Amino acid sequence: MNDESNEAGVLAVIVERMEEQRLPRALDLKAKVDQGGVLEDLDIDFLERVFTDCNELKPLLARHPEYQDLAAQMMSLYHAITSKALENEEKQG
């Protein structure tokens, strides 16, 4: 298997994971914080894994700009979640 087809497979798995796991979980977290909730330890662990994965994927995304908008939209969603969660924590604290 050459590097190009290997990368295509990796990208397919990443997109599938995003659609089936990460986006639904992120949308649930967004709803939670939008309703005034705060992030629990498992939520924070999830976001930390996402941010770690994003950093590791930067070189791959640089080689595949067609996925950069999708990645940016997801990062914007994660930013909105963490910002609102911090705001909620401050209100409670």
N, C-alpha and C. Protein backbone atom coordinates (compact mmCIF):
# COMPACT_ATOMS: atom_id res chain seq x y z
N MET A 1 0.86 -1.17 0.00
CA MET A 1 0.00 0.00 0.00
C MET A 1 0.90 1.23 0.00
N ASN A 2 0.65 2.15 -0.90
CA ASN A 2 1.49 3.34 -0.96
C ASN A 2 1.03 4.38 0.05
N ASP A 3 1.86 5.40 0.24
CA ASP A 3 1.55 6.42 1.24
C ASP A 3 0.26 7.16 0.94
N GLU A 4 -0.01 7.42 -0.33
CA GLU A 4 -1.21 8.15 -0.70
C GLU A 4 -2.48 7.36 -0.37
N SER A 5 -2.50 6.08 -0.69
CA SER A 5 -3.69 5.29 -0.37
C SER A 5 -3.79 5.05 1.13
N ASN A 6 -2.66 4.97 1.81
CA ASN A 6 -2.67 4.84 3.27
C ASN A 6 -3.28 6.09 3.90
N GLU A 7 -2.87 7.27 3.41
CA GLU A 7 -3.43 8.51 3.93
C GLU A 7 -4.92 8.61 3.65
N ALA A 8 -5.34 8.15 2.47
CA ALA A 8 -6.76 8.17 2.13
C ALA A 8 -7.55 7.30 3.11
N GLY A 9 -6.99 6.17 3.47
CA GLY A 9 -7.64 5.30 4.45
C GLY A 9 -7.71 5.93 5.82
N VAL A 10 -6.63 6.55 6.22
CA VAL A 10 -6.60 7.24 7.52
C VAL A 10 -7.64 8.36 7.55
N LEU A 11 -7.68 9.13 6.48
CA LEU A 11 -8.66 10.22 6.40
C LEU A 11 -10.09 9.70 6.46
N ALA A 12 -10.35 8.59 5.78
CA ALA A 12 -11.69 8.01 5.79
C ALA A 12 -12.09 7.59 7.21
N VAL A 13 -11.16 7.01 7.94
CA VAL A 13 -11.43 6.59 9.32
C VAL A 13 -11.66 7.80 10.21
N ILE A 14 -10.87 8.84 10.03
CA ILE A 14 -11.00 10.06 10.83
C ILE A 14 -12.37 10.71 10.59
N VAL A 15 -12.77 10.80 9.34
CA VAL A 15 -14.07 11.40 9.02
C VAL A 15 -15.20 10.55 9.59
N GLU A 16 -15.09 9.25 9.47
CA GLU A 16 -16.12 8.36 10.02
C GLU A 16 -16.22 8.52 11.53
N ARG A 17 -15.09 8.57 12.21
CA ARG A 17 -15.09 8.74 13.66
C ARG A 17 -15.71 10.09 14.04
N MET A 18 -15.39 11.11 13.25
CA MET A 18 -15.95 12.42 13.52
C MET A 18 -17.48 12.40 13.38
N GLU A 19 -17.95 11.80 12.30
CA GLU A 19 -19.40 11.77 12.04
C GLU A 19 -20.16 10.92 13.05
N GLU A 20 -19.60 9.79 13.41
CA GLU A 20 -20.33 8.83 14.24
C GLU A 20 -20.10 8.98 15.74
N GLN A 21 -18.96 9.56 16.12
CA GLN A 21 -18.65 9.62 17.54
C GLN A 21 -18.43 11.05 18.04
N ARG A 22 -17.50 11.72 17.42
CA ARG A 22 -17.09 13.01 17.98
C ARG A 22 -18.12 14.11 17.78
N LEU A 23 -18.70 14.23 16.61
CA LEU A 23 -19.68 15.28 16.39
C LEU A 23 -20.92 15.08 17.27
N PRO A 24 -21.49 13.88 17.33
CA PRO A 24 -22.64 13.71 18.23
C PRO A 24 -22.31 14.03 19.69
N ARG A 25 -21.14 13.61 20.13
CA ARG A 25 -20.73 13.90 21.53
C ARG A 25 -20.53 15.39 21.72
N ALA A 26 -19.91 16.05 20.75
CA ALA A 26 -19.69 17.48 20.84
C ALA A 26 -21.02 18.24 20.87
N LEU A 27 -21.95 17.82 20.05
CA LEU A 27 -23.26 18.48 20.03
C LEU A 27 -23.99 18.28 21.36
N ASP A 28 -23.85 17.12 21.96
CA ASP A 28 -24.43 16.88 23.28
C ASP A 28 -23.80 17.80 24.33
N LEU A 29 -22.47 17.95 24.25
CA LEU A 29 -21.78 18.82 25.19
C LEU A 29 -22.20 20.28 24.99
N LYS A 30 -22.36 20.67 23.73
CA LYS A 30 -22.78 22.04 23.42
C LYS A 30 -24.16 22.30 24.01
N ALA A 31 -25.07 21.37 23.85
CA ALA A 31 -26.41 21.51 24.42
C ALA A 31 -26.34 21.61 25.95
N LYS A 32 -25.49 20.80 26.52
CA LYS A 32 -25.33 20.78 27.98
C LYS A 32 -24.86 22.14 28.50
N VAL A 33 -23.81 22.68 27.89
CA VAL A 33 -23.28 23.96 28.38
C VAL A 33 -24.20 25.12 28.01
N ASP A 34 -24.90 25.01 26.89
CA ASP A 34 -25.85 26.06 26.51
C ASP A 34 -27.01 26.14 27.49
N GLN A 35 -27.28 25.04 28.18
CA GLN A 35 -28.35 25.00 29.19
C GLN A 35 -27.81 25.35 30.58
N GLY A 36 -26.55 25.80 30.63
CA GLY A 36 -25.98 26.23 31.90
C GLY A 36 -25.15 25.18 32.61
N GLY A 37 -25.01 24.02 31.99
CA GLY A 37 -24.24 22.95 32.62
C GLY A 37 -22.74 23.19 32.57
N VAL A 38 -22.04 22.41 33.35
CA VAL A 38 -20.58 22.46 33.37
C VAL A 38 -20.04 21.11 32.90
N LEU A 39 -18.80 21.12 32.51
CA LEU A 39 -18.16 19.90 32.03
C LEU A 39 -17.73 19.03 33.20
N GLU A 40 -17.99 17.75 33.07
CA GLU A 40 -17.54 16.78 34.06
C GLU A 40 -16.19 16.23 33.63
N ASP A 41 -15.58 15.43 34.48
CA ASP A 41 -14.25 14.89 34.17
C ASP A 41 -14.23 14.11 32.86
N LEU A 42 -15.25 13.29 32.61
CA LEU A 42 -15.28 12.52 31.36
C LEU A 42 -15.40 13.43 30.14
N ASP A 43 -16.13 14.52 30.29
CA ASP A 43 -16.26 15.48 29.20
C ASP A 43 -14.91 16.14 28.91
N ILE A 44 -14.22 16.51 29.96
CA ILE A 44 -12.91 17.15 29.81
C ILE A 44 -11.91 16.16 29.21
N ASP A 45 -11.96 14.90 29.65
CA ASP A 45 -11.08 13.88 29.07
C ASP A 45 -11.33 13.74 27.57
N PHE A 46 -12.60 13.75 27.18
CA PHE A 46 -12.95 13.67 25.77
C PHE A 46 -12.35 14.83 24.99
N LEU A 47 -12.54 16.04 25.49
CA LEU A 47 -12.01 17.21 24.80
C LEU A 47 -10.49 17.21 24.75
N GLU A 48 -9.84 16.76 25.81
CA GLU A 48 -8.38 16.66 25.79
C GLU A 48 -7.90 15.69 24.72
N ARG A 49 -8.58 14.56 24.56
CA ARG A 49 -8.23 13.59 23.51
C ARG A 49 -8.41 14.21 22.13
N VAL A 50 -9.49 14.95 21.98
CA VAL A 50 -9.76 15.60 20.70
C VAL A 50 -8.65 16.60 20.37
N PHE A 51 -8.28 17.42 21.33
CA PHE A 51 -7.25 18.42 21.08
C PHE A 51 -5.89 17.78 20.81
N THR A 52 -5.58 16.70 21.50
CA THR A 52 -4.34 15.97 21.24
C THR A 52 -4.35 15.40 19.83
N ASP A 53 -5.46 14.78 19.45
CA ASP A 53 -5.57 14.24 18.09
C ASP A 53 -5.44 15.33 17.04
N CYS A 54 -6.04 16.47 17.29
CA CYS A 54 -5.97 17.58 16.33
C CYS A 54 -4.53 18.03 16.11
N ASN A 55 -3.77 18.10 17.18
CA ASN A 55 -2.37 18.49 17.05
C ASN A 55 -1.59 17.46 16.25
N GLU A 56 -1.88 16.20 16.47
CA GLU A 56 -1.19 15.14 15.74
C GLU A 56 -1.58 15.11 14.27
N LEU A 57 -2.79 15.59 13.96
CA LEU A 57 -3.28 15.56 12.58
C LEU A 57 -2.87 16.77 11.75
N LYS A 58 -2.27 17.77 12.37
CA LYS A 58 -1.90 18.98 11.63
C LYS A 58 -1.09 18.69 10.38
N PRO A 59 -0.06 17.85 10.43
CA PRO A 59 0.71 17.58 9.19
C PRO A 59 -0.15 16.93 8.10
N LEU A 60 -1.04 16.04 8.49
CA LEU A 60 -1.93 15.39 7.53
C LEU A 60 -2.88 16.41 6.90
N LEU A 61 -3.43 17.29 7.72
CA LEU A 61 -4.33 18.32 7.20
C LEU A 61 -3.59 19.30 6.29
N ALA A 62 -2.34 19.55 6.58
CA ALA A 62 -1.56 20.44 5.73
C ALA A 62 -1.40 19.85 4.33
N ARG A 63 -1.34 18.54 4.25
CA ARG A 63 -1.21 17.87 2.95
C ARG A 63 -2.56 17.69 2.26
N HIS A 64 -3.65 17.88 2.99
CA HIS A 64 -4.99 17.69 2.44
C HIS A 64 -5.87 18.89 2.79
N PRO A 65 -5.67 19.99 2.10
CA PRO A 65 -6.43 21.20 2.42
C PRO A 65 -7.94 21.06 2.24
N GLU A 66 -8.38 20.07 1.50
CA GLU A 66 -9.82 19.88 1.32
C GLU A 66 -10.53 19.53 2.63
N TYR A 67 -9.78 19.14 3.67
CA TYR A 67 -10.36 18.81 4.96
C TYR A 67 -10.17 19.93 5.99
N GLN A 68 -9.49 20.99 5.61
CA GLN A 68 -9.18 22.05 6.56
C GLN A 68 -10.42 22.81 7.03
N ASP A 69 -11.39 23.03 6.15
CA ASP A 69 -12.62 23.72 6.57
C ASP A 69 -13.39 22.88 7.58
N LEU A 70 -13.48 21.60 7.33
CA LEU A 70 -14.16 20.70 8.26
C LEU A 70 -13.47 20.72 9.62
N ALA A 71 -12.15 20.64 9.61
CA ALA A 71 -11.39 20.67 10.87
C ALA A 71 -11.60 22.00 11.58
N ALA A 72 -11.61 23.09 10.84
CA ALA A 72 -11.82 24.41 11.44
C ALA A 72 -13.21 24.52 12.06
N GLN A 73 -14.21 23.97 11.40
CA GLN A 73 -15.57 24.00 11.94
C GLN A 73 -15.67 23.20 13.23
N MET A 74 -15.01 22.06 13.26
CA MET A 74 -15.02 21.24 14.47
C MET A 74 -14.29 21.96 15.60
N MET A 75 -13.16 22.57 15.29
CA MET A 75 -12.41 23.29 16.32
C MET A 75 -13.23 24.48 16.83
N SER A 76 -13.98 25.12 15.97
CA SER A 76 -14.84 26.22 16.38
C SER A 76 -15.92 25.72 17.35
N LEU A 77 -16.47 24.57 17.07
CA LEU A 77 -17.46 23.97 17.95
C LEU A 77 -16.85 23.65 19.31
N TYR A 78 -15.67 23.05 19.32
CA TYR A 78 -15.00 22.73 20.58
C TYR A 78 -14.68 24.00 21.36
N HIS A 79 -14.27 25.05 20.65
CA HIS A 79 -13.99 26.33 21.31
C HIS A 79 -15.26 26.89 21.94
N ALA A 80 -16.36 26.83 21.22
CA ALA A 80 -17.63 27.32 21.75
C ALA A 80 -18.02 26.55 23.02
N ILE A 81 -17.79 25.25 23.00
CA ILE A 81 -18.12 24.42 24.16
C ILE A 81 -17.29 24.83 25.37
N THR A 82 -15.98 24.92 25.16
CA THR A 82 -15.09 25.22 26.29
C THR A 82 -15.31 26.64 26.81
N SER A 83 -15.56 27.58 25.91
CA SER A 83 -15.81 28.97 26.33
C SER A 83 -17.08 29.07 27.18
N LYS A 84 -18.13 28.44 26.71
CA LYS A 84 -19.40 28.48 27.44
C LYS A 84 -19.29 27.72 28.76
N ALA A 85 -18.57 26.61 28.76
CA ALA A 85 -18.38 25.85 30.00
C ALA A 85 -17.62 26.68 31.03
N LEU A 86 -16.61 27.42 30.58
CA LEU A 86 -15.86 28.27 31.50
C LEU A 86 -16.76 29.38 32.05
N GLU A 87 -17.56 29.96 31.18
CA GLU A 87 -18.50 30.99 31.61
C GLU A 87 -19.46 30.43 32.67
N ASN A 88 -19.94 29.22 32.45
CA ASN A 88 -20.86 28.59 33.41
C ASN A 88 -20.16 28.31 34.73
N GLU A 89 -18.91 27.87 34.66
CA GLU A 89 -18.14 27.61 35.89
C GLU A 89 -17.98 28.90 36.68
N GLU A 90 -17.66 29.98 35.99
CA GLU A 90 -17.46 31.26 36.67
C GLU A 90 -18.75 31.76 37.33
N LYS A 91 -19.87 31.53 36.67
CA LYS A 91 -21.16 31.94 37.24
C LYS A 91 -21.46 31.15 38.52
N GLN A 92 -21.07 29.87 38.51
CA GLN A 92 -21.35 29.03 39.68
C GLN A 92 -20.37 29.28 40.82
N GLY A 93 -19.14 29.70 40.44
CA GLY A 93 -18.06 29.84 41.43
C GLY A 93 -18.16 31.10 42.18
